[in-house]
Amino acid sequence: LIVDHGETYLSIYANNESLLKQVGDAVAAGDAIATTG
């Protein structure tokens, strides 16, 4: 899962068991976006 934070900054979350968000979803700081795996 990759999140765009603006100013061409990206955060990348890999090796997850499951993904809780889909492309286009807006997220806030601290939102659960995936589960570890």
PDB file of all heavy atoms in Angstrom:
ATOM      1  N   LEU A   1       0.854  -1.189   0.000  1.00  0.00           N
ATOM      2  CA  LEU A   1       0.000   0.000   0.000  1.00  0.00           C
ATOM      3  C   LEU A   1       0.889   1.237   0.000  1.00  0.00           C
ATOM      4  O   LEU A   1       1.865   1.304   0.754  1.00  0.00           O
ATOM      5  CB  LEU A   1      -0.926  -0.003   1.216  1.00  0.00           C
ATOM      6  CG  LEU A   1      -2.020   1.070   1.246  1.00  0.00           C
ATOM      7  CD1 LEU A   1      -3.330   0.487   1.760  1.00  0.00           C
ATOM      8  CD2 LEU A   1      -1.593   2.255   2.111  1.00  0.00           C
ATOM      9  N   ILE A   2       0.570   2.208  -0.858  1.00  0.00           N
ATOM     10  CA  ILE A   2       1.359   3.436  -0.974  1.00  0.00           C
ATOM     11  C   ILE A   2       0.429   4.622  -0.746  1.00  0.00           C
ATOM     12  O   ILE A   2      -0.666   4.694  -1.327  1.00  0.00           O
ATOM     13  CB  ILE A   2       2.024   3.548  -2.361  1.00  0.00           C
ATOM     14  CG1 ILE A   2       2.933   2.337  -2.611  1.00  0.00           C
ATOM     15  CG2 ILE A   2       2.822   4.849  -2.473  1.00  0.00           C
ATOM     16  CD1 ILE A   2       3.560   2.315  -3.989  1.00  0.00           C
ATOM     17  N   VAL A   3       0.869   5.548   0.096  1.00  0.00           N
ATOM     18  CA  VAL A   3       0.092   6.744   0.414  1.00  0.00           C
ATOM     19  C   VAL A   3       0.854   7.979  -0.073  1.00  0.00           C
ATOM     20  O   VAL A   3       2.062   8.110   0.181  1.00  0.00           O
ATOM     21  CB  VAL A   3      -0.188   6.852   1.928  1.00  0.00           C
ATOM     22  CG1 VAL A   3      -0.932   8.144   2.253  1.00  0.00           C
ATOM     23  CG2 VAL A   3      -0.978   5.646   2.411  1.00  0.00           C
ATOM     24  N   ASP A   4       0.128   8.862  -0.770  1.00  0.00           N
ATOM     25  CA  ASP A   4       0.686  10.131  -1.225  1.00  0.00           C
ATOM     26  C   ASP A   4       0.380  11.193  -0.176  1.00  0.00           C
ATOM     27  O   ASP A   4      -0.784  11.405   0.192  1.00  0.00           O
ATOM     28  CB  ASP A   4       0.070  10.510  -2.577  1.00  0.00           C
ATOM     29  CG  ASP A   4       0.410  11.940  -2.985  1.00  0.00           C
ATOM     30  OD1 ASP A   4       1.510  12.411  -2.615  1.00  0.00           O
ATOM     31  OD2 ASP A   4      -0.423  12.568  -3.661  1.00  0.00           O
ATOM     32  N   HIS A   5       1.424  11.876   0.306  1.00  0.00           N
ATOM     33  CA  HIS A   5       1.262  12.899   1.339  1.00  0.00           C
ATOM     34  C   HIS A   5       1.436  14.313   0.796  1.00  0.00           C
ATOM     35  O   HIS A   5       1.490  15.270   1.570  1.00  0.00           O
ATOM     36  CB  HIS A   5       2.264  12.668   2.477  1.00  0.00           C
ATOM     37  CG  HIS A   5       2.109  11.341   3.142  1.00  0.00           C
ATOM     38  ND1 HIS A   5       1.071  11.034   3.995  1.00  0.00           N
ATOM     39  CD2 HIS A   5       2.873  10.217   3.063  1.00  0.00           C
ATOM     40  CE1 HIS A   5       1.196   9.791   4.430  1.00  0.00           C
ATOM     41  NE2 HIS A   5       2.286   9.267   3.882  1.00  0.00           N
ATOM     42  N   GLY A   6       1.562  14.442  -0.512  1.00  0.00           N
ATOM     43  CA  GLY A   6       1.787  15.758  -1.089  1.00  0.00           C
ATOM     44  C   GLY A   6       3.256  16.119  -1.125  1.00  0.00           C
ATOM     45  O   GLY A   6       4.100  15.460  -0.492  1.00  0.00           O
ATOM     46  N   GLU A   7       3.586  17.131  -1.891  1.00  0.00           N
ATOM     47  CA  GLU A   7       4.969  17.589  -2.049  1.00  0.00           C
ATOM     48  C   GLU A   7       5.868  16.456  -2.568  1.00  0.00           C
ATOM     49  O   GLU A   7       7.059  16.429  -2.271  1.00  0.00           O
ATOM     50  CB  GLU A   7       5.539  18.122  -0.737  1.00  0.00           C
ATOM     51  CG  GLU A   7       4.830  19.347  -0.181  1.00  0.00           C
ATOM     52  CD  GLU A   7       5.499  19.850   1.085  1.00  0.00           C
ATOM     53  OE1 GLU A   7       5.324  19.197   2.142  1.00  0.00           O
ATOM     54  OE2 GLU A   7       6.212  20.854   1.010  1.00  0.00           O
ATOM     55  N   THR A   8       5.272  15.527  -3.316  1.00  0.00           N
ATOM     56  CA  THR A   8       5.966  14.349  -3.884  1.00  0.00           C
ATOM     57  C   THR A   8       6.581  13.454  -2.809  1.00  0.00           C
ATOM     58  O   THR A   8       7.575  12.779  -3.042  1.00  0.00           O
ATOM     59  CB  THR A   8       7.054  14.769  -4.892  1.00  0.00           C
ATOM     60  OG1 THR A   8       8.076  15.498  -4.215  1.00  0.00           O
ATOM     61  CG2 THR A   8       6.467  15.613  -6.022  1.00  0.00           C
ATOM     62  N   TYR A   9       5.971  13.456  -1.610  1.00  0.00           N
ATOM     63  CA  TYR A   9       6.374  12.528  -0.546  1.00  0.00           C
ATOM     64  C   TYR A   9       5.425  11.324  -0.563  1.00  0.00           C
ATOM     65  O   TYR A   9       4.194  11.473  -0.639  1.00  0.00           O
ATOM     66  CB  TYR A   9       6.315  13.198   0.832  1.00  0.00           C
ATOM     67  CG  TYR A   9       7.479  14.117   1.115  1.00  0.00           C
ATOM     68  CD1 TYR A   9       7.373  15.486   0.901  1.00  0.00           C
ATOM     69  CD2 TYR A   9       8.671  13.612   1.617  1.00  0.00           C
ATOM     70  CE1 TYR A   9       8.432  16.343   1.173  1.00  0.00           C
ATOM     71  CE2 TYR A   9       9.747  14.459   1.892  1.00  0.00           C
ATOM     72  CZ  TYR A   9       9.620  15.810   1.666  1.00  0.00           C
ATOM     73  OH  TYR A   9      10.672  16.650   1.940  1.00  0.00           O
ATOM     74  N   LEU A  10       5.990  10.132  -0.478  1.00  0.00           N
ATOM     75  CA  LEU A  10       5.224   8.894  -0.438  1.00  0.00           C
ATOM     76  C   LEU A  10       5.651   8.064   0.765  1.00  0.00           C
ATOM     77  O   LEU A  10       6.830   8.043   1.126  1.00  0.00           O
ATOM     78  CB  LEU A  10       5.444   8.068  -1.712  1.00  0.00           C
ATOM     79  CG  LEU A  10       5.066   8.685  -3.052  1.00  0.00           C
ATOM     80  CD1 LEU A  10       5.476   7.758  -4.187  1.00  0.00           C
ATOM     81  CD2 LEU A  10       3.585   8.986  -3.117  1.00  0.00           C
ATOM     82  N   SER A  11       4.692   7.375   1.373  1.00  0.00           N
ATOM     83  CA  SER A  11       5.013   6.369   2.390  1.00  0.00           C
ATOM     84  C   SER A  11       4.556   5.019   1.850  1.00  0.00           C
ATOM     85  O   SER A  11       3.486   4.897   1.244  1.00  0.00           O
ATOM     86  CB  SER A  11       4.329   6.676   3.730  1.00  0.00           C
ATOM     87  OG  SER A  11       2.923   6.744   3.583  1.00  0.00           O
ATOM     88  N   ILE A  12       5.378   3.982   2.055  1.00  0.00           N
ATOM     89  CA  ILE A  12       5.179   2.674   1.439  1.00  0.00           C
ATOM     90  C   ILE A  12       5.114   1.631   2.553  1.00  0.00           C
ATOM     91  O   ILE A  12       6.018   1.544   3.397  1.00  0.00           O
ATOM     92  CB  ILE A  12       6.317   2.359   0.458  1.00  0.00           C
ATOM     93  CG1 ILE A  12       6.382   3.450  -0.625  1.00  0.00           C
ATOM     94  CG2 ILE A  12       6.146   0.987  -0.163  1.00  0.00           C
ATOM     95  CD1 ILE A  12       7.612   3.378  -1.489  1.00  0.00           C
ATOM     96  N   TYR A  13       4.054   0.812   2.521  1.00  0.00           N
ATOM     97  CA  TYR A  13       3.810  -0.195   3.547  1.00  0.00           C
ATOM     98  C   TYR A  13       3.712  -1.561   2.858  1.00  0.00           C
ATOM     99  O   TYR A  13       2.789  -1.789   2.052  1.00  0.00           O
ATOM    100  CB  TYR A  13       2.513   0.103   4.303  1.00  0.00           C
ATOM    101  CG  TYR A  13       2.383   1.552   4.753  1.00  0.00           C
ATOM    102  CD1 TYR A  13       1.975   2.541   3.856  1.00  0.00           C
ATOM    103  CD2 TYR A  13       2.662   1.938   6.056  1.00  0.00           C
ATOM    104  CE1 TYR A  13       1.849   3.862   4.252  1.00  0.00           C
ATOM    105  CE2 TYR A  13       2.542   3.261   6.467  1.00  0.00           C
ATOM    106  CZ  TYR A  13       2.138   4.221   5.550  1.00  0.00           C
ATOM    107  OH  TYR A  13       2.021   5.544   5.944  1.00  0.00           O
ATOM    108  N   ALA A  14       4.645  -2.474   3.162  1.00  0.00           N
ATOM    109  CA  ALA A  14       4.708  -3.747   2.442  1.00  0.00           C
ATOM    110  C   ALA A  14       4.730  -4.922   3.419  1.00  0.00           C
ATOM    111  O   ALA A  14       4.898  -4.746   4.632  1.00  0.00           O
ATOM    112  CB  ALA A  14       5.942  -3.787   1.553  1.00  0.00           C
ATOM    113  N   ASN A  15       4.550  -6.122   2.876  1.00  0.00           N
ATOM    114  CA  ASN A  15       4.576  -7.387   3.628  1.00  0.00           C
ATOM    115  C   ASN A  15       3.320  -7.576   4.472  1.00  0.00           C
ATOM    116  O   ASN A  15       3.290  -8.378   5.403  1.00  0.00           O
ATOM    117  CB  ASN A  15       5.818  -7.452   4.530  1.00  0.00           C
ATOM    118  CG  ASN A  15       6.213  -8.870   4.904  1.00  0.00           C
ATOM    119  OD1 ASN A  15       6.329  -9.726   4.042  1.00  0.00           O
ATOM    120  ND2 ASN A  15       6.406  -9.120   6.187  1.00  0.00           N
ATOM    121  N   ASN A  16       2.249  -6.839   4.134  1.00  0.00           N
ATOM    122  CA  ASN A  16       1.035  -6.867   4.942  1.00  0.00           C
ATOM    123  C   ASN A  16       0.257  -8.171   4.756  1.00  0.00           C
ATOM    124  O   ASN A  16       0.280  -8.785   3.683  1.00  0.00           O
ATOM    125  CB  ASN A  16       0.134  -5.693   4.562  1.00  0.00           C
ATOM    126  CG  ASN A  16       0.808  -4.357   4.801  1.00  0.00           C
ATOM    127  OD1 ASN A  16       1.033  -3.968   5.937  1.00  0.00           O
ATOM    128  ND2 ASN A  16       1.138  -3.661   3.726  1.00  0.00           N
ATOM    129  N   GLU A  17      -0.465  -8.532   5.813  1.00  0.00           N
ATOM    130  CA  GLU A  17      -1.376  -9.664   5.714  1.00  0.00           C
ATOM    131  C   GLU A  17      -2.606  -9.273   4.896  1.00  0.00           C
ATOM    132  O   GLU A  17      -3.076 -10.036   4.048  1.00  0.00           O
ATOM    133  CB  GLU A  17      -1.788 -10.132   7.108  1.00  0.00           C
ATOM    134  CG  GLU A  17      -2.799 -11.274   7.103  1.00  0.00           C
ATOM    135  CD  GLU A  17      -3.358 -11.542   8.486  1.00  0.00           C
ATOM    136  OE1 GLU A  17      -3.435 -10.605   9.304  1.00  0.00           O
ATOM    137  OE2 GLU A  17      -3.730 -12.693   8.739  1.00  0.00           O
ATOM    138  N   SER A  18      -3.132  -8.089   5.163  1.00  0.00           N
ATOM    139  CA  SER A  18      -4.316  -7.617   4.438  1.00  0.00           C
ATOM    140  C   SER A  18      -4.243  -6.105   4.296  1.00  0.00           C
ATOM    141  O   SER A  18      -3.553  -5.414   5.062  1.00  0.00           O
ATOM    142  CB  SER A  18      -5.598  -8.023   5.176  1.00  0.00           C
ATOM    143  OG  SER A  18      -5.622  -7.437   6.473  1.00  0.00           O
ATOM    144  N   LEU A  19      -4.962  -5.600   3.300  1.00  0.00           N
ATOM    145  CA  LEU A  19      -5.048  -4.166   3.045  1.00  0.00           C
ATOM    146  C   LEU A  19      -6.453  -3.694   3.398  1.00  0.00           C
ATOM    147  O   LEU A  19      -7.449  -4.309   2.978  1.00  0.00           O
ATOM    148  CB  LEU A  19      -4.737  -3.865   1.566  1.00  0.00           C
ATOM    149  CG  LEU A  19      -3.372  -4.352   1.075  1.00  0.00           C
ATOM    150  CD1 LEU A  19      -3.209  -4.063  -0.411  1.00  0.00           C
ATOM    151  CD2 LEU A  19      -2.241  -3.716   1.873  1.00  0.00           C
ATOM    152  N   LEU A  20      -6.530  -2.611   4.160  1.00  0.00           N
ATOM    153  CA  LEU A  20      -7.819  -2.116   4.638  1.00  0.00           C
ATOM    154  C   LEU A  20      -8.310  -0.910   3.851  1.00  0.00           C
ATOM    155  O   LEU A  20      -9.447  -0.460   4.072  1.00  0.00           O
ATOM    156  CB  LEU A  20      -7.722  -1.751   6.128  1.00  0.00           C
ATOM    157  CG  LEU A  20      -7.203  -2.862   7.058  1.00  0.00           C
ATOM    158  CD1 LEU A  20      -7.156  -2.371   8.493  1.00  0.00           C
ATOM    159  CD2 LEU A  20      -8.066  -4.101   6.935  1.00  0.00           C
ATOM    160  N   LYS A  21      -7.505  -0.387   2.957  1.00  0.00           N
ATOM    161  CA  LYS A  21      -7.878   0.773   2.153  1.00  0.00           C
ATOM    162  C   LYS A  21      -7.707   0.441   0.677  1.00  0.00           C
ATOM    163  O   LYS A  21      -6.970  -0.476   0.303  1.00  0.00           O
ATOM    164  CB  LYS A  21      -7.031   1.987   2.516  1.00  0.00           C
ATOM    165  CG  LYS A  21      -7.181   2.457   3.967  1.00  0.00           C
ATOM    166  CD  LYS A  21      -8.580   3.002   4.241  1.00  0.00           C
ATOM    167  CE  LYS A  21      -8.690   3.523   5.671  1.00  0.00           C
ATOM    168  NZ  LYS A  21     -10.036   4.074   5.968  1.00  0.00           N
ATOM    169  N   GLN A  22      -8.373   1.218  -0.150  1.00  0.00           N
ATOM    170  CA  GLN A  22      -8.298   1.042  -1.587  1.00  0.00           C
ATOM    171  C   GLN A  22      -7.764   2.307  -2.236  1.00  0.00           C
ATOM    172  O   GLN A  22      -7.703   3.376  -1.606  1.00  0.00           O
ATOM    173  CB  GLN A  22      -9.696   0.707  -2.165  1.00  0.00           C
ATOM    174  CG  GLN A  22     -10.276  -0.588  -1.633  1.00  0.00           C
ATOM    175  CD  GLN A  22     -11.656  -0.857  -2.185  1.00  0.00           C
ATOM    176  OE1 GLN A  22     -12.241  -0.022  -2.890  1.00  0.00           O
ATOM    177  NE2 GLN A  22     -12.198  -2.037  -1.891  1.00  0.00           N
ATOM    178  N   VAL A  23      -7.371   2.176  -3.510  1.00  0.00           N
ATOM    179  CA  VAL A  23      -6.856   3.328  -4.238  1.00  0.00           C
ATOM    180  C   VAL A  23      -7.912   4.428  -4.267  1.00  0.00           C
ATOM    181  O   VAL A  23      -9.099   4.182  -4.541  1.00  0.00           O
ATOM    182  CB  VAL A  23      -6.463   2.919  -5.671  1.00  0.00           C
ATOM    183  CG1 VAL A  23      -6.065   4.149  -6.483  1.00  0.00           C
ATOM    184  CG2 VAL A  23      -5.330   1.906  -5.640  1.00  0.00           C
ATOM    185  N   GLY A  24      -7.481   5.630  -3.943  1.00  0.00           N
ATOM    186  CA  GLY A  24      -8.387   6.782  -3.929  1.00  0.00           C
ATOM    187  C   GLY A  24      -8.893   7.145  -2.561  1.00  0.00           C
ATOM    188  O   GLY A  24      -9.398   8.260  -2.357  1.00  0.00           O
ATOM    189  N   ASP A  25      -8.764   6.229  -1.586  1.00  0.00           N
ATOM    190  CA  ASP A  25      -9.242   6.526  -0.237  1.00  0.00           C
ATOM    191  C   ASP A  25      -8.344   7.574   0.419  1.00  0.00           C
ATOM    192  O   ASP A  25      -7.111   7.516   0.335  1.00  0.00           O
ATOM    193  CB  ASP A  25      -9.249   5.266   0.623  1.00  0.00           C
ATOM    194  CG  ASP A  25     -10.331   4.286   0.228  1.00  0.00           C
ATOM    195  OD1 ASP A  25     -11.204   4.669  -0.574  1.00  0.00           O
ATOM    196  OD2 ASP A  25     -10.279   3.127   0.700  1.00  0.00           O
ATOM    197  N   ALA A  26      -8.998   8.538   1.092  1.00  0.00           N
ATOM    198  CA  ALA A  26      -8.260   9.516   1.890  1.00  0.00           C
ATOM    199  C   ALA A  26      -8.026   8.932   3.273  1.00  0.00           C
ATOM    200  O   ALA A  26      -8.890   8.231   3.823  1.00  0.00           O
ATOM    201  CB  ALA A  26      -9.035  10.822   1.982  1.00  0.00           C
ATOM    202  N   VAL A  27      -6.864   9.169   3.829  1.00  0.00           N
ATOM    203  CA  VAL A  27      -6.528   8.654   5.159  1.00  0.00           C
ATOM    204  C   VAL A  27      -6.048   9.801   6.025  1.00  0.00           C
ATOM    205  O   VAL A  27      -5.478  10.794   5.534  1.00  0.00           O
ATOM    206  CB  VAL A  27      -5.454   7.556   5.090  1.00  0.00           C
ATOM    207  CG1 VAL A  27      -5.956   6.366   4.302  1.00  0.00           C
ATOM    208  CG2 VAL A  27      -4.172   8.089   4.490  1.00  0.00           C
ATOM    209  N   ALA A  28      -6.297   9.674   7.331  1.00  0.00           N
ATOM    210  CA  ALA A  28      -5.791  10.629   8.309  1.00  0.00           C
ATOM    211  C   ALA A  28      -4.648   9.977   9.076  1.00  0.00           C
ATOM    212  O   ALA A  28      -4.485   8.752   9.063  1.00  0.00           O
ATOM    213  CB  ALA A  28      -6.908  11.050   9.261  1.00  0.00           C
ATOM    214  N   ALA A  29      -3.862  10.804   9.732  1.00  0.00           N
ATOM    215  CA  ALA A  29      -2.754  10.271  10.529  1.00  0.00           C
ATOM    216  C   ALA A  29      -3.293   9.336  11.595  1.00  0.00           C
ATOM    217  O   ALA A  29      -4.228   9.679  12.327  1.00  0.00           O
ATOM    218  CB  ALA A  29      -1.967  11.407  11.161  1.00  0.00           C
ATOM    219  N   GLY A  30      -2.750   8.125  11.657  1.00  0.00           N
ATOM    220  CA  GLY A  30      -3.170   7.154  12.651  1.00  0.00           C
ATOM    221  C   GLY A  30      -4.255   6.214  12.193  1.00  0.00           C
ATOM    222  O   GLY A  30      -4.602   5.278  12.924  1.00  0.00           O
ATOM    223  N   ASP A  31      -4.821   6.434  10.985  1.00  0.00           N
ATOM    224  CA  ASP A  31      -5.828   5.510  10.478  1.00  0.00           C
ATOM    225  C   ASP A  31      -5.214   4.138  10.208  1.00  0.00           C
ATOM    226  O   ASP A  31      -4.089   4.038   9.692  1.00  0.00           O
ATOM    227  CB  ASP A  31      -6.435   6.045   9.179  1.00  0.00           C
ATOM    228  CG  ASP A  31      -7.451   7.150   9.422  1.00  0.00           C
ATOM    229  OD1 ASP A  31      -7.749   7.415  10.604  1.00  0.00           O
ATOM    230  OD2 ASP A  31      -7.933   7.735   8.433  1.00  0.00           O
ATOM    231  N   ALA A  32      -5.958   3.074  10.548  1.00  0.00           N
ATOM    232  CA  ALA A  32      -5.509   1.719  10.219  1.00  0.00           C
ATOM    233  C   ALA A  32      -5.694   1.495   8.724  1.00  0.00           C
ATOM    234  O   ALA A  32      -6.809   1.619   8.210  1.00  0.00           O
ATOM    235  CB  ALA A  32      -6.284   0.694  11.023  1.00  0.00           C
ATOM    236  N   ILE A  33      -4.618   1.191   8.034  1.00  0.00           N
ATOM    237  CA  ILE A  33      -4.673   1.022   6.584  1.00  0.00           C
ATOM    238  C   ILE A  33      -4.354  -0.405   6.155  1.00  0.00           C
ATOM    239  O   ILE A  33      -4.618  -0.785   5.013  1.00  0.00           O
ATOM    240  CB  ILE A  33      -3.711   2.005   5.886  1.00  0.00           C
ATOM    241  CG1 ILE A  33      -2.282   1.814   6.399  1.00  0.00           C
ATOM    242  CG2 ILE A  33      -4.171   3.441   6.093  1.00  0.00           C
ATOM    243  CD1 ILE A  33      -1.251   2.696   5.727  1.00  0.00           C
ATOM    244  N   ALA A  34      -3.777  -1.217   7.058  1.00  0.00           N
ATOM    245  CA  ALA A  34      -3.420  -2.596   6.731  1.00  0.00           C
ATOM    246  C   ALA A  34      -3.162  -3.346   8.027  1.00  0.00           C
ATOM    247  O   ALA A  34      -3.243  -2.768   9.125  1.00  0.00           O
ATOM    248  CB  ALA A  34      -2.179  -2.637   5.835  1.00  0.00           C
ATOM    249  N   THR A  35      -2.880  -4.645   7.907  1.00  0.00           N
ATOM    250  CA  THR A  35      -2.482  -5.454   9.066  1.00  0.00           C
ATOM    251  C   THR A  35      -1.179  -6.182   8.740  1.00  0.00           C
ATOM    252  O   THR A  35      -0.941  -6.570   7.599  1.00  0.00           O
ATOM    253  CB  THR A  35      -3.560  -6.491   9.438  1.00  0.00           C
ATOM    254  OG1 THR A  35      -3.803  -7.339   8.320  1.00  0.00           O
ATOM    255  CG2 THR A  35      -4.854  -5.807   9.857  1.00  0.00           C
ATOM    256  N   THR A  36      -0.353  -6.359   9.760  1.00  0.00           N
ATOM    257  CA  THR A  36       0.970  -6.959   9.550  1.00  0.00           C
ATOM    258  C   THR A  36       0.857  -8.430   9.179  1.00  0.00           C
ATOM    259  O   THR A  36      -0.075  -9.121   9.563  1.00  0.00           O
ATOM    260  CB  THR A  36       1.826  -6.831  10.818  1.00  0.00           C
ATOM    261  OG1 THR A  36       1.116  -7.416  11.913  1.00  0.00           O
ATOM    262  CG2 THR A  36       2.136  -5.379  11.112  1.00  0.00           C
ATOM    263  N   GLY A  37       1.866  -8.904   8.422  1.00  0.00           N
ATOM    264  CA  GLY A  37       1.894 -10.305   8.007  1.00  0.00           C
ATOM    265  C   GLY A  37       3.250 -10.676   7.455  1.00  0.00           C
ATOM    266  O   GLY A  37       4.279 -10.107   7.849  1.00  0.00           O
TER     267      GLY A  37
END
